[in-house]
Amino acid sequence: MLDGGPVEDYLGSYSPYMEKSTWQEQNYCIHLLYCPDCHYDVRAAWEMVIV
């Protein structure tokens, strides 16, 4: 599985498909993981870290 980056990059920051209260208030970033061979994809949440 490869990391395709934040789902926000695909859907846009104001997408109706992402519930803001679910991920942003809890400091999570939702990424799209995908398989380049079979084209399967899944969303995964990582906790945001201040760098």
PDB file of N, CA and C in Angstrom:
ATOM      1  N   MET A   1       0.849  -1.170   0.000  1.00  0.00           N
ATOM      2  CA  MET A   1       0.000   0.000   0.000  1.00  0.00           C
ATOM      3  C   MET A   1       0.898   1.237   0.000  1.00  0.00           C
ATOM      4  N   LEU A   2       0.542   2.192  -0.822  1.00  0.00           N
ATOM      5  CA  LEU A   2       1.271   3.452  -0.904  1.00  0.00           C
ATOM      6  C   LEU A   2       0.412   4.578  -0.347  1.00  0.00           C
ATOM      7  N   ASP A   3       1.067   5.579   0.223  1.00  0.00           N
ATOM      8  CA  ASP A   3       0.359   6.737   0.764  1.00  0.00           C
ATOM      9  C   ASP A   3       0.123   7.727  -0.366  1.00  0.00           C
ATOM     10  N   GLY A   4      -1.142   7.971  -0.674  1.00  0.00           N
ATOM     11  CA  GLY A   4      -1.504   8.910  -1.730  1.00  0.00           C
ATOM     12  C   GLY A   4      -1.644  10.339  -1.244  1.00  0.00           C
ATOM     13  N   GLY A   5      -1.435  10.555   0.054  1.00  0.00           N
ATOM     14  CA  GLY A   5      -1.534  11.892   0.620  1.00  0.00           C
ATOM     15  C   GLY A   5      -2.897  12.145   1.245  1.00  0.00           C
ATOM     16  N   PRO A   6      -3.104  13.364   1.728  1.00  0.00           N
ATOM     17  CA  PRO A   6      -4.366  13.705   2.387  1.00  0.00           C
ATOM     18  C   PRO A   6      -5.560  13.586   1.444  1.00  0.00           C
ATOM     19  N   VAL A   7      -6.660  13.052   1.956  1.00  0.00           N
ATOM     20  CA  VAL A   7      -7.887  12.931   1.166  1.00  0.00           C
ATOM     21  C   VAL A   7      -8.355  14.313   0.722  1.00  0.00           C
ATOM     22  N   GLU A   8      -8.060  15.325   1.528  1.00  0.00           N
ATOM     23  CA  GLU A   8      -8.434  16.706   1.201  1.00  0.00           C
ATOM     24  C   GLU A   8      -7.862  17.131  -0.157  1.00  0.00           C
ATOM     25  N   ASP A   9      -6.700  16.598  -0.538  1.00  0.00           N
ATOM     26  CA  ASP A   9      -6.104  16.913  -1.842  1.00  0.00           C
ATOM     27  C   ASP A   9      -6.968  16.409  -2.993  1.00  0.00           C
ATOM     28  N   TYR A  10      -7.730  15.353  -2.754  1.00  0.00           N
ATOM     29  CA  TYR A  10      -8.574  14.766  -3.794  1.00  0.00           C
ATOM     30  C   TYR A  10      -9.976  15.363  -3.808  1.00  0.00           C
ATOM     31  N   LEU A  11     -10.511  15.616  -2.615  1.00  0.00           N
ATOM     32  CA  LEU A  11     -11.903  16.046  -2.510  1.00  0.00           C
ATOM     33  C   LEU A  11     -12.063  17.551  -2.350  1.00  0.00           C
ATOM     34  N   GLY A  12     -11.026  18.244  -1.917  1.00  0.00           N
ATOM     35  CA  GLY A  12     -11.124  19.677  -1.655  1.00  0.00           C
ATOM     36  C   GLY A  12     -11.405  19.928  -0.187  1.00  0.00           C
ATOM     37  N   SER A  13     -10.998  21.088   0.294  1.00  0.00           N
ATOM     38  CA  SER A  13     -11.096  21.382   1.724  1.00  0.00           C
ATOM     39  C   SER A  13     -12.524  21.609   2.199  1.00  0.00           C
ATOM     40  N   TYR A  14     -13.453  21.900   1.298  1.00  0.00           N
ATOM     41  CA  TYR A  14     -14.844  22.143   1.689  1.00  0.00           C
ATOM     42  C   TYR A  14     -15.777  21.056   1.164  1.00  0.00           C
ATOM     43  N   SER A  15     -15.249  19.884   0.965  1.00  0.00           N
ATOM     44  CA  SER A  15     -16.024  18.786   0.405  1.00  0.00           C
ATOM     45  C   SER A  15     -17.135  18.331   1.345  1.00  0.00           C
ATOM     46  N   PRO A  16     -18.324  18.081   0.812  1.00  0.00           N
ATOM     47  CA  PRO A  16     -19.407  17.562   1.649  1.00  0.00           C
ATOM     48  C   PRO A  16     -19.199  16.096   2.038  1.00  0.00           C
ATOM     49  N   TYR A  17     -18.175  15.461   1.468  1.00  0.00           N
ATOM     50  CA  TYR A  17     -17.920  14.049   1.750  1.00  0.00           C
ATOM     51  C   TYR A  17     -17.045  13.841   2.980  1.00  0.00           C
ATOM     52  N   MET A  18     -16.546  14.928   3.553  1.00  0.00           N
ATOM     53  CA  MET A  18     -15.700  14.839   4.740  1.00  0.00           C
ATOM     54  C   MET A  18     -16.365  15.609   5.869  1.00  0.00           C
ATOM     55  N   GLU A  19     -16.662  14.933   6.960  1.00  0.00           N
ATOM     56  CA  GLU A  19     -17.251  15.606   8.107  1.00  0.00           C
ATOM     57  C   GLU A  19     -16.140  16.223   8.939  1.00  0.00           C
ATOM     58  N   LYS A  20     -16.126  17.549   8.989  1.00  0.00           N
ATOM     59  CA  LYS A  20     -15.062  18.274   9.663  1.00  0.00           C
ATOM     60  C   LYS A  20     -14.970  17.924  11.147  1.00  0.00           C
ATOM     61  N   SER A  21     -16.105  17.793  11.797  1.00  0.00           N
ATOM     62  CA  SER A  21     -16.092  17.518  13.235  1.00  0.00           C
ATOM     63  C   SER A  21     -15.464  16.170  13.555  1.00  0.00           C
ATOM     64  N   THR A  22     -15.523  15.256  12.634  1.00  0.00           N
ATOM     65  CA  THR A  22     -15.004  13.913  12.872  1.00  0.00           C
ATOM     66  C   THR A  22     -13.488  13.893  12.969  1.00  0.00           C
ATOM     67  N   TRP A  23     -12.797  14.581  12.110  1.00  0.00           N
ATOM     68  CA  TRP A  23     -11.346  14.439  12.049  1.00  0.00           C
ATOM     69  C   TRP A  23     -10.584  15.673  12.483  1.00  0.00           C
ATOM     70  N   GLN A  24     -11.045  16.862  12.161  1.00  0.00           N
ATOM     71  CA  GLN A  24     -10.242  18.050  12.447  1.00  0.00           C
ATOM     72  C   GLN A  24     -10.240  18.417  13.925  1.00  0.00           C
ATOM     73  N   GLU A  25     -11.381  18.313  14.585  1.00  0.00           N
ATOM     74  CA  GLU A  25     -11.444  18.665  15.998  1.00  0.00           C
ATOM     75  C   GLU A  25     -10.650  17.691  16.862  1.00  0.00           C
ATOM     76  N   GLN A  26     -10.445  16.496  16.373  1.00  0.00           N
ATOM     77  CA  GLN A  26      -9.689  15.499  17.124  1.00  0.00           C
ATOM     78  C   GLN A  26      -8.235  15.444  16.671  1.00  0.00           C
ATOM     79  N   ASN A  27      -7.808  16.394  15.826  1.00  0.00           N
ATOM     80  CA  ASN A  27      -6.428  16.501  15.340  1.00  0.00           C
ATOM     81  C   ASN A  27      -5.948  15.264  14.591  1.00  0.00           C
ATOM     82  N   TYR A  28      -6.764  14.828  13.639  1.00  0.00           N
ATOM     83  CA  TYR A  28      -6.389  13.712  12.777  1.00  0.00           C
ATOM     84  C   TYR A  28      -6.332  14.167  11.328  1.00  0.00           C
ATOM     85  N   CYS A  29      -5.459  13.557  10.574  1.00  0.00           N
ATOM     86  CA  CYS A  29      -5.359  13.809   9.140  1.00  0.00           C
ATOM     87  C   CYS A  29      -5.728  12.501   8.436  1.00  0.00           C
ATOM     88  N   ILE A  30      -6.681  12.567   7.528  1.00  0.00           N
ATOM     89  CA  ILE A  30      -7.140  11.382   6.808  1.00  0.00           C
ATOM     90  C   ILE A  30      -6.350  11.261   5.500  1.00  0.00           C
ATOM     91  N   HIS A  31      -5.665  10.144   5.319  1.00  0.00           N
ATOM     92  CA  HIS A  31      -4.873   9.902   4.112  1.00  0.00           C
ATOM     93  C   HIS A  31      -5.495   8.782   3.294  1.00  0.00           C
ATOM     94  N   LEU A  32      -5.234   8.827   2.012  1.00  0.00           N
ATOM     95  CA  LEU A  32      -5.678   7.782   1.104  1.00  0.00           C
ATOM     96  C   LEU A  32      -4.513   6.825   0.868  1.00  0.00           C
ATOM     97  N   LEU A  33      -4.696   5.570   1.222  1.00  0.00           N
ATOM     98  CA  LEU A  33      -3.706   4.533   0.944  1.00  0.00           C
ATOM     99  C   LEU A  33      -4.220   3.713  -0.223  1.00  0.00           C
ATOM    100  N   TYR A  34      -3.334   3.390  -1.161  1.00  0.00           N
ATOM    101  CA  TYR A  34      -3.780   2.652  -2.342  1.00  0.00           C
ATOM    102  C   TYR A  34      -2.738   1.638  -2.787  1.00  0.00           C
ATOM    103  N   CYS A  35      -3.222   0.639  -3.500  1.00  0.00           N
ATOM    104  CA  CYS A  35      -2.359  -0.386  -4.076  1.00  0.00           C
ATOM    105  C   CYS A  35      -2.254  -0.114  -5.579  1.00  0.00           C
ATOM    106  N   PRO A  36      -1.055   0.132  -6.099  1.00  0.00           N
ATOM    107  CA  PRO A  36      -0.902   0.416  -7.523  1.00  0.00           C
ATOM    108  C   PRO A  36      -1.148  -0.810  -8.413  1.00  0.00           C
ATOM    109  N   ASP A  37      -1.105  -2.006  -7.836  1.00  0.00           N
ATOM    110  CA  ASP A  37      -1.305  -3.221  -8.622  1.00  0.00           C
ATOM    111  C   ASP A  37      -2.777  -3.573  -8.805  1.00  0.00           C
ATOM    112  N   CYS A  38      -3.533  -3.571  -7.705  1.00  0.00           N
ATOM    113  CA  CYS A  38      -4.938  -3.987  -7.798  1.00  0.00           C
ATOM    114  C   CYS A  38      -5.915  -2.806  -7.730  1.00  0.00           C
ATOM    115  N   HIS A  39      -5.401  -1.588  -7.489  1.00  0.00           N
ATOM    116  CA  HIS A  39      -6.198  -0.353  -7.436  1.00  0.00           C
ATOM    117  C   HIS A  39      -7.150  -0.296  -6.246  1.00  0.00           C
ATOM    118  N   TYR A  40      -6.893  -1.095  -5.221  1.00  0.00           N
ATOM    119  CA  TYR A  40      -7.675  -1.028  -3.982  1.00  0.00           C
ATOM    120  C   TYR A  40      -7.242   0.216  -3.224  1.00  0.00           C
ATOM    121  N   ASP A  41      -8.190   0.914  -2.597  1.00  0.00           N
ATOM    122  CA  ASP A  41      -7.820   2.051  -1.761  1.00  0.00           C
ATOM    123  C   ASP A  41      -8.631   2.060  -0.476  1.00  0.00           C
ATOM    124  N   VAL A  42      -8.061   2.694   0.525  1.00  0.00           N
ATOM    125  CA  VAL A  42      -8.688   2.779   1.842  1.00  0.00           C
ATOM    126  C   VAL A  42      -8.227   4.080   2.498  1.00  0.00           C
ATOM    127  N   ARG A  43      -9.057   4.612   3.371  1.00  0.00           N
ATOM    128  CA  ARG A  43      -8.692   5.816   4.117  1.00  0.00           C
ATOM    129  C   ARG A  43      -8.122   5.408   5.469  1.00  0.00           C
ATOM    130  N   ALA A  44      -7.104   6.139   5.913  1.00  0.00           N
ATOM    131  CA  ALA A  44      -6.497   5.886   7.218  1.00  0.00           C
ATOM    132  C   ALA A  44      -6.305   7.217   7.928  1.00  0.00           C
ATOM    133  N   ALA A  45      -6.478   7.216   9.237  1.00  0.00           N
ATOM    134  CA  ALA A  45      -6.341   8.437  10.031  1.00  0.00           C
ATOM    135  C   ALA A  45      -5.045   8.398  10.826  1.00  0.00           C
ATOM    136  N   TRP A  46      -4.296   9.491  10.729  1.00  0.00           N
ATOM    137  CA  TRP A  46      -3.093   9.652  11.527  1.00  0.00           C
ATOM    138  C   TRP A  46      -3.261  10.873  12.411  1.00  0.00           C
ATOM    139  N   GLU A  47      -2.774  10.761  13.641  1.00  0.00           N
ATOM    140  CA  GLU A  47      -2.845  11.891  14.554  1.00  0.00           C
ATOM    141  C   GLU A  47      -1.861  12.962  14.098  1.00  0.00           C
ATOM    142  N   MET A  48      -2.332  14.215  14.052  1.00  0.00           N
ATOM    143  CA  MET A  48      -1.475  15.326  13.640  1.00  0.00           C
ATOM    144  C   MET A  48      -0.461  15.626  14.739  1.00  0.00           C
ATOM    145  N   VAL A  49       0.765  15.942  14.328  1.00  0.00           N
ATOM    146  CA  VAL A  49       1.838  16.278  15.252  1.00  0.00           C
ATOM    147  C   VAL A  49       2.370  17.650  14.872  1.00  0.00           C
ATOM    148  N   ILE A  50       2.485  18.527  15.847  1.00  0.00           N
ATOM    149  CA  ILE A  50       3.034  19.862  15.584  1.00  0.00           C
ATOM    150  C   ILE A  50       4.544  19.738  15.474  1.00  0.00           C
ATOM    151  N   VAL A  51       5.088  20.192  14.356  1.00  0.00           N
ATOM    152  CA  VAL A  51       6.523  20.079  14.110  1.00  0.00           C
ATOM    153  C   VAL A  51       7.153  21.444  14.222  1.00  0.00           C
TER     154      VAL A  51
END
